[in-house]
Amino acid sequence: MAPASKSDRKAPLDAAAWMFNILTSVGVIMVNKALMATHQFSFATTLTGLHFVATTLMTIVFKWLGYIQTSHLPLSELIKYVFFANLSIVGMNVSLMWNSVGFYQIAKLSMIPVSCLLEVVFDKIRYSRATKLSIVVVLVGVAICTVTDVSVNSRGLIAATIAVWSTSLQQYYVHSLQKKYSLGSFNLIGHTAPAQAMSLLMLGPFVDYWLTSKRVDAFDYNVTVVFFIFLSCIIAVGTNLSQFICIGRFTAVSFQVLGHMKTILVLVLGFFLFGREGLNLQVIFGMILAVMGMLWYGNASSKPGGKERWSYSLPTDKSQKHGLLSESGEHDGKV
């Protein structure tokens, strides 16, 4: 029997990484919904800080077990990453508070074209027509099933803009830092999680008080609330780790496009678990359209020329024009 090729071995690992991210992301969203909607624990920024405390503890255990090796990440890069990551968390919370749900969803959808722009500008990535169209189908499908009322105000627009760009930059840096400094997912999160935990726990109570006019230390904690906080932190460890794994294996754009499967699952589970009305033909059509777009994107982007790195070098004759573009960049030196 012939040995399995590298692509044959990569496919099941890619699928496992996506499933891990989808399951943990949907799980933490559902737990947080129960925590915030049912038990009125509305301190989202502080809760995120606790998530990173749990993630930091996980990295300490992994270092002790030998899964995380000693590595180097310049302090300037760490500060830059933590700044955008924390700004993303605060920006998304403020955007949700200051905007209608419809405009908030539109802002989240706009992260895909912004992530595409970052890859085009910084990584010189070129997308095929089929890949671009598949992204449009995903955007339209998710918009149909999530965007309802849309109202815009100036401060909400500013908050949404900051949230979109900071989130897109944070996800771009996850992929970029892993490649630039040859860091594995575990190594990178070992650098970033402690810094985010410390900064968010210092910043979180003040941000949450500004957003909710409530103090986290004055909340009436009980056994059930503490249990849900603990459960949220445990699941969030998997969410944080799987995000780094997926973006490292793929790109921020692929993570955003295929990640909308989580949006579909959250909608479906919300209808069943929280008894919300609204699962109508329009929503079902949007879900189907979005899933079809995701499948099309996966197929189109994996084909030769679907998503490739390109060079500014000018060919000297017609025969060299065919070698100008290459996803791996291996032809660039021959042009």
C-alpha atoms as a PDB file:
ATOM      1  CA  MET A   1       0.000   0.000   0.000  1.00  0.00           C
ATOM      2  CA  ALA A   2       1.367   3.408  -1.002  1.00  0.00           C
ATOM      3  CA  PRO A   3       2.053   5.806   1.887  1.00  0.00           C
ATOM      4  CA  ALA A   4      -0.464   8.581   2.369  1.00  0.00           C
ATOM      5  CA  SER A   5       0.487  11.836   0.702  1.00  0.00           C
ATOM      6  CA  LYS A   6       0.979  15.039   2.658  1.00  0.00           C
ATOM      7  CA  SER A   7      -2.333  16.426   1.370  1.00  0.00           C
ATOM      8  CA  ASP A   8      -4.129  13.217   2.362  1.00  0.00           C
ATOM      9  CA  ARG A   9      -2.791  13.532   5.902  1.00  0.00           C
ATOM     10  CA  LYS A  10      -3.534  17.272   6.060  1.00  0.00           C
ATOM     11  CA  ALA A  11      -7.211  17.001   5.085  1.00  0.00           C
ATOM     12  CA  PRO A  12      -8.448  15.113   8.178  1.00  0.00           C
ATOM     13  CA  LEU A  13      -6.349  17.346  10.465  1.00  0.00           C
ATOM     14  CA  ASP A  14      -7.856  20.445   8.843  1.00  0.00           C
ATOM     15  CA  ALA A  15     -11.362  19.031   9.292  1.00  0.00           C
ATOM     16  CA  ALA A  16     -10.653  18.181  12.930  1.00  0.00           C
ATOM     17  CA  ALA A  17      -9.336  21.701  13.593  1.00  0.00           C
ATOM     18  CA  TRP A  18     -12.488  23.264  12.092  1.00  0.00           C
ATOM     19  CA  MET A  19     -14.807  20.937  14.009  1.00  0.00           C
ATOM     20  CA  PHE A  20     -12.954  21.678  17.251  1.00  0.00           C
ATOM     21  CA  ASN A  21     -13.285  25.422  16.667  1.00  0.00           C
ATOM     22  CA  ILE A  22     -16.956  25.231  15.668  1.00  0.00           C
ATOM     23  CA  LEU A  23     -17.959  23.050  18.631  1.00  0.00           C
ATOM     24  CA  THR A  24     -16.074  25.104  21.240  1.00  0.00           C
ATOM     25  CA  SER A  25     -17.154  28.459  19.759  1.00  0.00           C
ATOM     26  CA  VAL A  26     -20.821  27.500  19.601  1.00  0.00           C
ATOM     27  CA  GLY A  27     -20.547  25.970  23.079  1.00  0.00           C
ATOM     28  CA  VAL A  28     -19.098  29.091  24.690  1.00  0.00           C
ATOM     29  CA  ILE A  29     -21.678  31.309  22.945  1.00  0.00           C
ATOM     30  CA  MET A  30     -24.570  29.197  24.224  1.00  0.00           C
ATOM     31  CA  VAL A  31     -23.159  29.107  27.772  1.00  0.00           C
ATOM     32  CA  ASN A  32     -22.581  32.876  27.725  1.00  0.00           C
ATOM     33  CA  LYS A  33     -26.118  33.440  26.455  1.00  0.00           C
ATOM     34  CA  ALA A  34     -27.469  31.465  29.386  1.00  0.00           C
ATOM     35  CA  LEU A  35     -25.154  33.303  31.780  1.00  0.00           C
ATOM     36  CA  MET A  36     -26.027  36.783  30.521  1.00  0.00           C
ATOM     37  CA  ALA A  37     -29.656  36.409  29.462  1.00  0.00           C
ATOM     38  CA  THR A  38     -30.886  34.106  32.209  1.00  0.00           C
ATOM     39  CA  HIS A  39     -28.651  35.055  35.124  1.00  0.00           C
ATOM     40  CA  GLN A  40     -28.038  38.721  34.192  1.00  0.00           C
ATOM     41  CA  PHE A  41     -24.229  38.482  34.334  1.00  0.00           C
ATOM     42  CA  SER A  42     -23.483  41.267  31.832  1.00  0.00           C
ATOM     43  CA  PHE A  43     -19.758  41.763  32.427  1.00  0.00           C
ATOM     44  CA  ALA A  44     -18.505  40.549  29.041  1.00  0.00           C
ATOM     45  CA  THR A  45     -15.054  42.162  29.077  1.00  0.00           C
ATOM     46  CA  THR A  46     -14.192  40.863  32.544  1.00  0.00           C
ATOM     47  CA  LEU A  47     -15.477  37.416  31.562  1.00  0.00           C
ATOM     48  CA  THR A  48     -13.157  37.457  28.550  1.00  0.00           C
ATOM     49  CA  GLY A  49     -10.279  38.281  30.892  1.00  0.00           C
ATOM     50  CA  LEU A  50     -11.185  35.207  32.952  1.00  0.00           C
ATOM     51  CA  HIS A  51     -11.198  33.182  29.725  1.00  0.00           C
ATOM     52  CA  PHE A  52      -7.581  34.170  29.126  1.00  0.00           C
ATOM     53  CA  VAL A  53      -6.661  33.391  32.733  1.00  0.00           C
ATOM     54  CA  ALA A  54      -7.909  29.850  32.110  1.00  0.00           C
ATOM     55  CA  THR A  55      -6.027  29.778  28.795  1.00  0.00           C
ATOM     56  CA  THR A  56      -2.848  30.936  30.565  1.00  0.00           C
ATOM     57  CA  LEU A  57      -3.181  28.114  33.092  1.00  0.00           C
ATOM     58  CA  MET A  58      -3.558  25.713  30.158  1.00  0.00           C
ATOM     59  CA  THR A  59      -0.324  26.982  28.581  1.00  0.00           C
ATOM     60  CA  ILE A  60       1.519  26.539  31.916  1.00  0.00           C
ATOM     61  CA  VAL A  61       0.377  22.907  32.058  1.00  0.00           C
ATOM     62  CA  PHE A  62       1.359  22.377  28.415  1.00  0.00           C
ATOM     63  CA  LYS A  63       4.812  23.847  29.076  1.00  0.00           C
ATOM     64  CA  TRP A  64       5.240  21.496  32.033  1.00  0.00           C
ATOM     65  CA  LEU A  65       4.225  18.548  29.818  1.00  0.00           C
ATOM     66  CA  GLY A  66       6.636  19.643  27.089  1.00  0.00           C
ATOM     67  CA  TYR A  67       4.057  20.552  24.431  1.00  0.00           C
ATOM     68  CA  ILE A  68       5.176  24.204  24.414  1.00  0.00           C
ATOM     69  CA  GLN A  69       8.847  24.779  23.690  1.00  0.00           C
ATOM     70  CA  THR A  70      10.892  27.851  24.520  1.00  0.00           C
ATOM     71  CA  SER A  71      10.411  30.437  21.781  1.00  0.00           C
ATOM     72  CA  HIS A  72      10.876  34.155  21.170  1.00  0.00           C
ATOM     73  CA  LEU A  73       8.369  36.843  20.282  1.00  0.00           C
ATOM     74  CA  PRO A  74       9.645  40.447  20.297  1.00  0.00           C
ATOM     75  CA  LEU A  75       8.015  42.630  22.938  1.00  0.00           C
ATOM     76  CA  SER A  76       6.997  45.184  20.306  1.00  0.00           C
ATOM     77  CA  GLU A  77       5.094  42.495  18.366  1.00  0.00           C
ATOM     78  CA  LEU A  78       3.427  41.235  21.550  1.00  0.00           C
ATOM     79  CA  ILE A  79       2.310  44.731  22.539  1.00  0.00           C
ATOM     80  CA  LYS A  80       0.967  45.392  19.047  1.00  0.00           C
ATOM     81  CA  TYR A  81      -0.961  42.123  19.008  1.00  0.00           C
ATOM     82  CA  VAL A  82      -2.432  42.563  22.500  1.00  0.00           C
ATOM     83  CA  PHE A  83      -3.456  46.124  21.653  1.00  0.00           C
ATOM     84  CA  PHE A  84      -5.465  45.059  18.597  1.00  0.00           C
ATOM     85  CA  ALA A  85      -6.857  41.952  20.333  1.00  0.00           C
ATOM     86  CA  ASN A  86      -8.114  43.888  23.365  1.00  0.00           C
ATOM     87  CA  LEU A  87      -9.383  46.740  21.194  1.00  0.00           C
ATOM     88  CA  SER A  88     -11.318  44.132  19.212  1.00  0.00           C
ATOM     89  CA  ILE A  89     -12.993  42.768  22.355  1.00  0.00           C
ATOM     90  CA  VAL A  90     -13.938  46.193  23.709  1.00  0.00           C
ATOM     91  CA  GLY A  91     -14.896  47.473  20.240  1.00  0.00           C
ATOM     92  CA  MET A  92     -17.274  44.583  19.570  1.00  0.00           C
ATOM     93  CA  ASN A  93     -18.977  45.047  22.948  1.00  0.00           C
ATOM     94  CA  VAL A  94     -19.361  48.803  22.433  1.00  0.00           C
ATOM     95  CA  SER A  95     -20.557  48.307  18.853  1.00  0.00           C
ATOM     96  CA  LEU A  96     -23.262  45.906  20.057  1.00  0.00           C
ATOM     97  CA  MET A  97     -24.384  48.424  22.693  1.00  0.00           C
ATOM     98  CA  TRP A  98     -24.452  51.488  20.426  1.00  0.00           C
ATOM     99  CA  ASN A  99     -25.823  49.894  17.231  1.00  0.00           C
ATOM    100  CA  SER A 100     -28.923  48.031  16.218  1.00  0.00           C
ATOM    101  CA  VAL A 101     -28.527  44.256  15.957  1.00  0.00           C
ATOM    102  CA  GLY A 102     -28.864  44.499  12.172  1.00  0.00           C
ATOM    103  CA  PHE A 103     -26.040  47.000  11.762  1.00  0.00           C
ATOM    104  CA  TYR A 104     -23.910  45.035  14.241  1.00  0.00           C
ATOM    105  CA  GLN A 105     -24.295  41.948  12.019  1.00  0.00           C
ATOM    106  CA  ILE A 106     -23.427  43.953   8.906  1.00  0.00           C
ATOM    107  CA  ALA A 107     -20.281  45.186  10.658  1.00  0.00           C
ATOM    108  CA  LYS A 108     -19.303  41.596  11.478  1.00  0.00           C
ATOM    109  CA  LEU A 109     -19.835  40.584   7.843  1.00  0.00           C
ATOM    110  CA  SER A 110     -17.610  43.432   6.662  1.00  0.00           C
ATOM    111  CA  MET A 111     -14.651  41.744   8.406  1.00  0.00           C
ATOM    112  CA  ILE A 112     -14.370  39.379   5.436  1.00  0.00           C
ATOM    113  CA  PRO A 113     -13.657  42.051   2.783  1.00  0.00           C
ATOM    114  CA  VAL A 114     -11.380  43.878   5.261  1.00  0.00           C
ATOM    115  CA  SER A 115      -9.428  40.645   5.869  1.00  0.00           C
ATOM    116  CA  CYS A 116      -9.208  40.154   2.092  1.00  0.00           C
ATOM    117  CA  LEU A 117      -7.822  43.678   1.738  1.00  0.00           C
ATOM    118  CA  LEU A 118      -5.164  43.001   4.399  1.00  0.00           C
ATOM    119  CA  GLU A 119      -4.038  39.851   2.589  1.00  0.00           C
ATOM    120  CA  VAL A 120      -3.943  41.647  -0.767  1.00  0.00           C
ATOM    121  CA  VAL A 121      -1.940  44.585   0.611  1.00  0.00           C
ATOM    122  CA  PHE A 122       0.474  42.800   2.971  1.00  0.00           C
ATOM    123  CA  ASP A 123       0.711  39.266   1.553  1.00  0.00           C
ATOM    124  CA  LYS A 124       0.161  40.054  -2.145  1.00  0.00           C
ATOM    125  CA  ILE A 125      -2.645  37.485  -2.340  1.00  0.00           C
ATOM    126  CA  ARG A 126      -4.775  37.349  -5.482  1.00  0.00           C
ATOM    127  CA  TYR A 127      -8.246  35.769  -5.515  1.00  0.00           C
ATOM    128  CA  SER A 128      -9.867  34.096  -8.512  1.00  0.00           C
ATOM    129  CA  ARG A 129     -13.281  35.194  -9.741  1.00  0.00           C
ATOM    130  CA  ALA A 130     -14.902  32.019  -8.375  1.00  0.00           C
ATOM    131  CA  THR A 131     -13.378  32.603  -4.932  1.00  0.00           C
ATOM    132  CA  LYS A 132     -14.624  36.203  -4.874  1.00  0.00           C
ATOM    133  CA  LEU A 133     -18.132  35.162  -5.943  1.00  0.00           C
ATOM    134  CA  SER A 134     -18.273  32.416  -3.309  1.00  0.00           C
ATOM    135  CA  ILE A 135     -17.412  34.990  -0.619  1.00  0.00           C
ATOM    136  CA  VAL A 136     -20.238  37.214  -1.890  1.00  0.00           C
ATOM    137  CA  VAL A 137     -22.669  34.275  -1.682  1.00  0.00           C
ATOM    138  CA  VAL A 138     -21.655  33.634   1.942  1.00  0.00           C
ATOM    139  CA  LEU A 139     -22.079  37.326   2.826  1.00  0.00           C
ATOM    140  CA  VAL A 140     -25.522  37.495   1.185  1.00  0.00           C
ATOM    141  CA  GLY A 141     -26.676  34.258   2.809  1.00  0.00           C
ATOM    142  CA  VAL A 142     -25.597  35.244   6.326  1.00  0.00           C
ATOM    143  CA  ALA A 143     -27.058  38.730   5.833  1.00  0.00           C
ATOM    144  CA  ILE A 144     -30.442  37.274   4.833  1.00  0.00           C
ATOM    145  CA  CYS A 145     -30.713  35.177   7.983  1.00  0.00           C
ATOM    146  CA  THR A 146     -29.202  37.601  10.515  1.00  0.00           C
ATOM    147  CA  VAL A 147     -29.728  41.212   9.424  1.00  0.00           C
ATOM    148  CA  THR A 148     -33.107  42.612  10.449  1.00  0.00           C
ATOM    149  CA  ASP A 149     -33.473  46.211  11.549  1.00  0.00           C
ATOM    150  CA  VAL A 150     -30.671  48.487  10.379  1.00  0.00           C
ATOM    151  CA  SER A 151     -30.205  51.926  11.934  1.00  0.00           C
ATOM    152  CA  VAL A 152     -26.961  53.883  11.936  1.00  0.00           C
ATOM    153  CA  ASN A 153     -25.679  56.632  14.213  1.00  0.00           C
ATOM    154  CA  SER A 154     -22.336  58.419  14.208  1.00  0.00           C
ATOM    155  CA  ARG A 155     -20.875  57.007  17.413  1.00  0.00           C
ATOM    156  CA  GLY A 156     -22.131  53.512  16.566  1.00  0.00           C
ATOM    157  CA  LEU A 157     -20.483  53.752  13.148  1.00  0.00           C
ATOM    158  CA  ILE A 158     -17.176  54.781  14.737  1.00  0.00           C
ATOM    159  CA  ALA A 159     -17.358  51.901  17.244  1.00  0.00           C
ATOM    160  CA  ALA A 160     -18.187  49.406  14.482  1.00  0.00           C
ATOM    161  CA  THR A 161     -15.318  50.657  12.308  1.00  0.00           C
ATOM    162  CA  ILE A 162     -12.837  50.293  15.170  1.00  0.00           C
ATOM    163  CA  ALA A 163     -14.199  46.840  16.007  1.00  0.00           C
ATOM    164  CA  VAL A 164     -14.016  45.595  12.410  1.00  0.00           C
ATOM    165  CA  TRP A 165     -10.481  46.797  11.722  1.00  0.00           C
ATOM    166  CA  SER A 166      -9.040  45.751  15.080  1.00  0.00           C
ATOM    167  CA  THR A 167     -10.580  42.269  14.828  1.00  0.00           C
ATOM    168  CA  SER A 168      -9.374  41.829  11.249  1.00  0.00           C
ATOM    169  CA  LEU A 169      -5.865  42.984  12.193  1.00  0.00           C
ATOM    170  CA  GLN A 170      -5.798  40.706  15.251  1.00  0.00           C
ATOM    171  CA  GLN A 171      -6.716  37.668  13.164  1.00  0.00           C
ATOM    172  CA  TYR A 172      -4.261  38.647  10.440  1.00  0.00           C
ATOM    173  CA  TYR A 173      -1.461  38.936  13.030  1.00  0.00           C
ATOM    174  CA  VAL A 174      -2.201  35.451  14.385  1.00  0.00           C
ATOM    175  CA  HIS A 175      -1.335  33.989  10.975  1.00  0.00           C
ATOM    176  CA  SER A 176       1.460  36.473  10.266  1.00  0.00           C
ATOM    177  CA  LEU A 177       3.292  36.022  13.584  1.00  0.00           C
ATOM    178  CA  GLN A 178       3.181  32.236  13.339  1.00  0.00           C
ATOM    179  CA  LYS A 179       4.767  32.354   9.890  1.00  0.00           C
ATOM    180  CA  LYS A 180       7.219  35.183  10.588  1.00  0.00           C
ATOM    181  CA  TYR A 181       8.682  33.751  13.793  1.00  0.00           C
ATOM    182  CA  SER A 182       8.050  30.039  13.096  1.00  0.00           C
ATOM    183  CA  LEU A 183       5.751  29.756  16.093  1.00  0.00           C
ATOM    184  CA  GLY A 184       3.300  26.930  16.595  1.00  0.00           C
ATOM    185  CA  SER A 185      -0.223  27.647  17.810  1.00  0.00           C
ATOM    186  CA  PHE A 186       0.650  26.562  21.357  1.00  0.00           C
ATOM    187  CA  ASN A 187       3.802  28.697  21.393  1.00  0.00           C
ATOM    188  CA  LEU A 188       2.057  31.852  20.184  1.00  0.00           C
ATOM    189  CA  ILE A 189      -0.844  31.546  22.599  1.00  0.00           C
ATOM    190  CA  GLY A 190       1.710  30.911  25.350  1.00  0.00           C
ATOM    191  CA  HIS A 191       3.087  34.405  24.656  1.00  0.00           C
ATOM    192  CA  THR A 192      -0.207  36.251  24.178  1.00  0.00           C
ATOM    193  CA  ALA A 193      -2.622  34.692  26.698  1.00  0.00           C
ATOM    194  CA  PRO A 194      -0.870  35.913  29.900  1.00  0.00           C
ATOM    195  CA  ALA A 195      -0.600  39.465  28.546  1.00  0.00           C
ATOM    196  CA  GLN A 196      -4.262  39.505  27.527  1.00  0.00           C
ATOM    197  CA  ALA A 197      -5.389  38.006  30.825  1.00  0.00           C
ATOM    198  CA  MET A 198      -3.547  40.634  32.870  1.00  0.00           C
ATOM    199  CA  SER A 199      -4.593  43.586  30.714  1.00  0.00           C
ATOM    200  CA  LEU A 200      -8.259  42.548  30.418  1.00  0.00           C
ATOM    201  CA  LEU A 201      -8.650  41.877  34.141  1.00  0.00           C
ATOM    202  CA  MET A 202      -7.257  45.365  34.816  1.00  0.00           C
ATOM    203  CA  LEU A 203      -9.349  47.022  32.098  1.00  0.00           C
ATOM    204  CA  GLY A 204     -12.472  44.839  32.140  1.00  0.00           C
ATOM    205  CA  PRO A 205     -14.256  46.015  35.320  1.00  0.00           C
ATOM    206  CA  PHE A 206     -13.974  49.662  34.224  1.00  0.00           C
ATOM    207  CA  VAL A 207     -15.180  48.958  30.678  1.00  0.00           C
ATOM    208  CA  ASP A 208     -18.077  46.851  31.963  1.00  0.00           C
ATOM    209  CA  TYR A 209     -19.076  49.560  34.429  1.00  0.00           C
ATOM    210  CA  TRP A 210     -19.022  52.096  31.584  1.00  0.00           C
ATOM    211  CA  LEU A 211     -21.177  49.845  29.409  1.00  0.00           C
ATOM    212  CA  THR A 212     -23.636  48.578  32.033  1.00  0.00           C
ATOM    213  CA  SER A 213     -23.420  51.021  34.967  1.00  0.00           C
ATOM    214  CA  LYS A 214     -22.946  47.937  37.164  1.00  0.00           C
ATOM    215  CA  ARG A 215     -19.939  46.858  39.226  1.00  0.00           C
ATOM    216  CA  VAL A 216     -18.675  43.337  38.755  1.00  0.00           C
ATOM    217  CA  ASP A 217     -17.606  43.118  42.400  1.00  0.00           C
ATOM    218  CA  ALA A 218     -21.123  44.027  43.552  1.00  0.00           C
ATOM    219  CA  PHE A 219     -22.862  41.307  41.559  1.00  0.00           C
ATOM    220  CA  ASP A 220     -24.907  38.751  43.514  1.00  0.00           C
ATOM    221  CA  TYR A 221     -22.916  35.584  42.836  1.00  0.00           C
ATOM    222  CA  ASN A 222     -24.447  32.180  43.537  1.00  0.00           C
ATOM    223  CA  VAL A 223     -23.469  28.587  42.866  1.00  0.00           C
ATOM    224  CA  THR A 224     -25.223  28.478  39.481  1.00  0.00           C
ATOM    225  CA  VAL A 225     -23.582  31.672  38.206  1.00  0.00           C
ATOM    226  CA  VAL A 226     -20.141  30.539  39.372  1.00  0.00           C
ATOM    227  CA  PHE A 227     -20.693  27.179  37.675  1.00  0.00           C
ATOM    228  CA  PHE A 228     -21.589  28.849  34.348  1.00  0.00           C
ATOM    229  CA  ILE A 229     -18.574  31.190  34.616  1.00  0.00           C
ATOM    230  CA  PHE A 230     -16.329  28.184  35.258  1.00  0.00           C
ATOM    231  CA  LEU A 231     -17.888  26.240  32.358  1.00  0.00           C
ATOM    232  CA  SER A 232     -17.525  29.253  30.054  1.00  0.00           C
ATOM    233  CA  CYS A 233     -13.820  29.540  30.940  1.00  0.00           C
ATOM    234  CA  ILE A 234     -13.175  25.833  30.322  1.00  0.00           C
ATOM    235  CA  ILE A 235     -14.825  25.875  26.891  1.00  0.00           C
ATOM    236  CA  ALA A 236     -13.160  29.195  26.013  1.00  0.00           C
ATOM    237  CA  VAL A 237      -9.741  27.564  26.419  1.00  0.00           C
ATOM    238  CA  GLY A 238     -10.631  25.337  23.478  1.00  0.00           C
ATOM    239  CA  THR A 239     -12.053  28.284  21.538  1.00  0.00           C
ATOM    240  CA  ASN A 240      -8.909  30.400  21.964  1.00  0.00           C
ATOM    241  CA  LEU A 241      -6.580  27.544  21.123  1.00  0.00           C
ATOM    242  CA  SER A 242      -8.592  26.347  18.116  1.00  0.00           C
ATOM    243  CA  GLN A 243      -8.702  29.895  16.700  1.00  0.00           C
ATOM    244  CA  PHE A 244      -4.897  30.009  16.670  1.00  0.00           C
ATOM    245  CA  ILE A 245      -4.726  26.507  15.166  1.00  0.00           C
ATOM    246  CA  CYS A 246      -7.233  27.275  12.389  1.00  0.00           C
ATOM    247  CA  ILE A 247      -5.804  30.667  11.410  1.00  0.00           C
ATOM    248  CA  GLY A 248      -2.295  29.203  11.518  1.00  0.00           C
ATOM    249  CA  ARG A 249      -3.274  26.318   9.235  1.00  0.00           C
ATOM    250  CA  PHE A 250      -5.329  28.500   6.909  1.00  0.00           C
ATOM    251  CA  THR A 251      -5.693  32.298   6.790  1.00  0.00           C
ATOM    252  CA  ALA A 252      -7.815  34.956   8.483  1.00  0.00           C
ATOM    253  CA  VAL A 253     -10.082  35.141   5.414  1.00  0.00           C
ATOM    254  CA  SER A 254     -10.772  31.398   5.394  1.00  0.00           C
ATOM    255  CA  PHE A 255     -11.362  31.543   9.149  1.00  0.00           C
ATOM    256  CA  GLN A 256     -13.934  34.305   8.665  1.00  0.00           C
ATOM    257  CA  VAL A 257     -15.717  32.728   5.682  1.00  0.00           C
ATOM    258  CA  LEU A 258     -15.992  29.175   6.989  1.00  0.00           C
ATOM    259  CA  GLY A 259     -16.443  30.495  10.521  1.00  0.00           C
ATOM    260  CA  HIS A 260     -19.927  31.698   9.637  1.00  0.00           C
ATOM    261  CA  MET A 261     -20.982  28.080   9.997  1.00  0.00           C
ATOM    262  CA  LYS A 262     -20.888  28.937  13.713  1.00  0.00           C
ATOM    263  CA  THR A 263     -23.382  31.744  13.072  1.00  0.00           C
ATOM    264  CA  ILE A 264     -25.764  29.286  11.423  1.00  0.00           C
ATOM    265  CA  LEU A 265     -25.445  26.759  14.258  1.00  0.00           C
ATOM    266  CA  VAL A 266     -25.932  29.438  16.923  1.00  0.00           C
ATOM    267  CA  LEU A 267     -29.133  30.559  15.188  1.00  0.00           C
ATOM    268  CA  VAL A 268     -30.478  27.007  14.995  1.00  0.00           C
ATOM    269  CA  LEU A 269     -29.570  26.172  18.603  1.00  0.00           C
ATOM    270  CA  GLY A 270     -30.982  29.502  19.775  1.00  0.00           C
ATOM    271  CA  PHE A 271     -34.351  28.666  18.250  1.00  0.00           C
ATOM    272  CA  PHE A 272     -34.444  25.283  20.007  1.00  0.00           C
ATOM    273  CA  LEU A 273     -32.844  26.097  23.365  1.00  0.00           C
ATOM    274  CA  PHE A 274     -34.129  29.612  24.020  1.00  0.00           C
ATOM    275  CA  GLY A 275     -37.520  29.333  22.334  1.00  0.00           C
ATOM    276  CA  ARG A 276     -37.036  32.294  20.036  1.00  0.00           C
ATOM    277  CA  GLU A 277     -39.409  32.767  17.152  1.00  0.00           C
ATOM    278  CA  GLY A 278     -38.241  33.665  13.675  1.00  0.00           C
ATOM    279  CA  LEU A 279     -37.203  30.403  12.028  1.00  0.00           C
ATOM    280  CA  ASN A 280     -39.056  31.243   8.828  1.00  0.00           C
ATOM    281  CA  LEU A 281     -38.489  30.533   5.148  1.00  0.00           C
ATOM    282  CA  GLN A 282     -36.310  33.636   4.727  1.00  0.00           C
ATOM    283  CA  VAL A 283     -33.950  32.549   7.504  1.00  0.00           C
ATOM    284  CA  ILE A 284     -33.836  28.958   6.239  1.00  0.00           C
ATOM    285  CA  PHE A 285     -33.088  30.187   2.703  1.00  0.00           C
ATOM    286  CA  GLY A 286     -30.290  32.412   4.023  1.00  0.00           C
ATOM    287  CA  MET A 287     -28.777  29.505   5.950  1.00  0.00           C
ATOM    288  CA  ILE A 288     -28.833  27.212   2.903  1.00  0.00           C
ATOM    289  CA  LEU A 289     -27.348  29.943   0.703  1.00  0.00           C
ATOM    290  CA  ALA A 290     -24.567  30.613   3.223  1.00  0.00           C
ATOM    291  CA  VAL A 291     -23.659  26.934   3.542  1.00  0.00           C
ATOM    292  CA  MET A 292     -23.607  26.565  -0.258  1.00  0.00           C
ATOM    293  CA  GLY A 293     -21.296  29.591  -0.428  1.00  0.00           C
ATOM    294  CA  MET A 294     -18.966  28.066   2.178  1.00  0.00           C
ATOM    295  CA  LEU A 295     -18.767  24.807   0.235  1.00  0.00           C
ATOM    296  CA  TRP A 296     -18.105  26.755  -2.973  1.00  0.00           C
ATOM    297  CA  TYR A 297     -15.404  28.823  -1.246  1.00  0.00           C
ATOM    298  CA  GLY A 298     -13.667  25.705   0.067  1.00  0.00           C
ATOM    299  CA  ASN A 299     -13.643  24.194  -3.410  1.00  0.00           C
ATOM    300  CA  ALA A 300     -12.737  27.374  -5.320  1.00  0.00           C
ATOM    301  CA  SER A 301      -9.951  28.543  -2.989  1.00  0.00           C
ATOM    302  CA  SER A 302      -8.290  25.113  -2.977  1.00  0.00           C
ATOM    303  CA  LYS A 303      -8.015  24.947  -6.770  1.00  0.00           C
ATOM    304  CA  PRO A 304      -4.880  26.198  -8.584  1.00  0.00           C
ATOM    305  CA  GLY A 305      -5.227  29.956  -9.005  1.00  0.00           C
ATOM    306  CA  GLY A 306      -8.121  30.160  -6.547  1.00  0.00           C
ATOM    307  CA  LYS A 307      -6.027  32.014  -3.997  1.00  0.00           C
ATOM    308  CA  GLU A 308      -2.397  32.663  -4.799  1.00  0.00           C
ATOM    309  CA  ARG A 309       0.522  34.903  -3.973  1.00  0.00           C
ATOM    310  CA  TRP A 310       1.658  37.144  -6.792  1.00  0.00           C
ATOM    311  CA  SER A 311       4.759  39.124  -7.656  1.00  0.00           C
ATOM    312  CA  TYR A 312       5.243  42.632  -8.969  1.00  0.00           C
ATOM    313  CA  SER A 313       8.081  41.408 -11.198  1.00  0.00           C
ATOM    314  CA  LEU A 314       7.519  42.118 -14.881  1.00  0.00           C
ATOM    315  CA  PRO A 315       7.953  39.266 -17.400  1.00  0.00           C
ATOM    316  CA  THR A 316      10.462  39.774 -20.201  1.00  0.00           C
ATOM    317  CA  ASP A 317       8.533  37.798 -22.788  1.00  0.00           C
ATOM    318  CA  LYS A 318       5.169  36.165 -23.319  1.00  0.00           C
ATOM    319  CA  SER A 319       6.377  32.743 -22.323  1.00  0.00           C
ATOM    320  CA  GLN A 320       7.183  34.012 -18.838  1.00  0.00           C
ATOM    321  CA  LYS A 321       3.738  35.492 -18.191  1.00  0.00           C
ATOM    322  CA  HIS A 322       2.394  32.077 -17.270  1.00  0.00           C
ATOM    323  CA  GLY A 323       4.996  31.779 -14.503  1.00  0.00           C
ATOM    324  CA  LEU A 324       4.340  35.162 -12.971  1.00  0.00           C
ATOM    325  CA  LEU A 325       1.733  34.012 -10.504  1.00  0.00           C
ATOM    326  CA  SER A 326       2.272  31.254  -8.001  1.00  0.00           C
ATOM    327  CA  GLU A 327       0.534  30.485  -4.716  1.00  0.00           C
ATOM    328  CA  SER A 328       3.748  29.412  -3.059  1.00  0.00           C
ATOM    329  CA  GLY A 329       5.838  32.070  -4.696  1.00  0.00           C
ATOM    330  CA  GLU A 330       8.284  29.458  -6.003  1.00  0.00           C
ATOM    331  CA  HIS A 331       8.198  30.903  -9.516  1.00  0.00           C
ATOM    332  CA  ASP A 332       8.958  34.458  -8.461  1.00  0.00           C
ATOM    333  CA  GLY A 333      12.696  33.961  -8.672  1.00  0.00           C
ATOM    334  CA  LYS A 334      12.466  32.676 -12.237  1.00  0.00           C
ATOM    335  CA  VAL A 335      10.637  35.687 -13.635  1.00  0.00           C
END
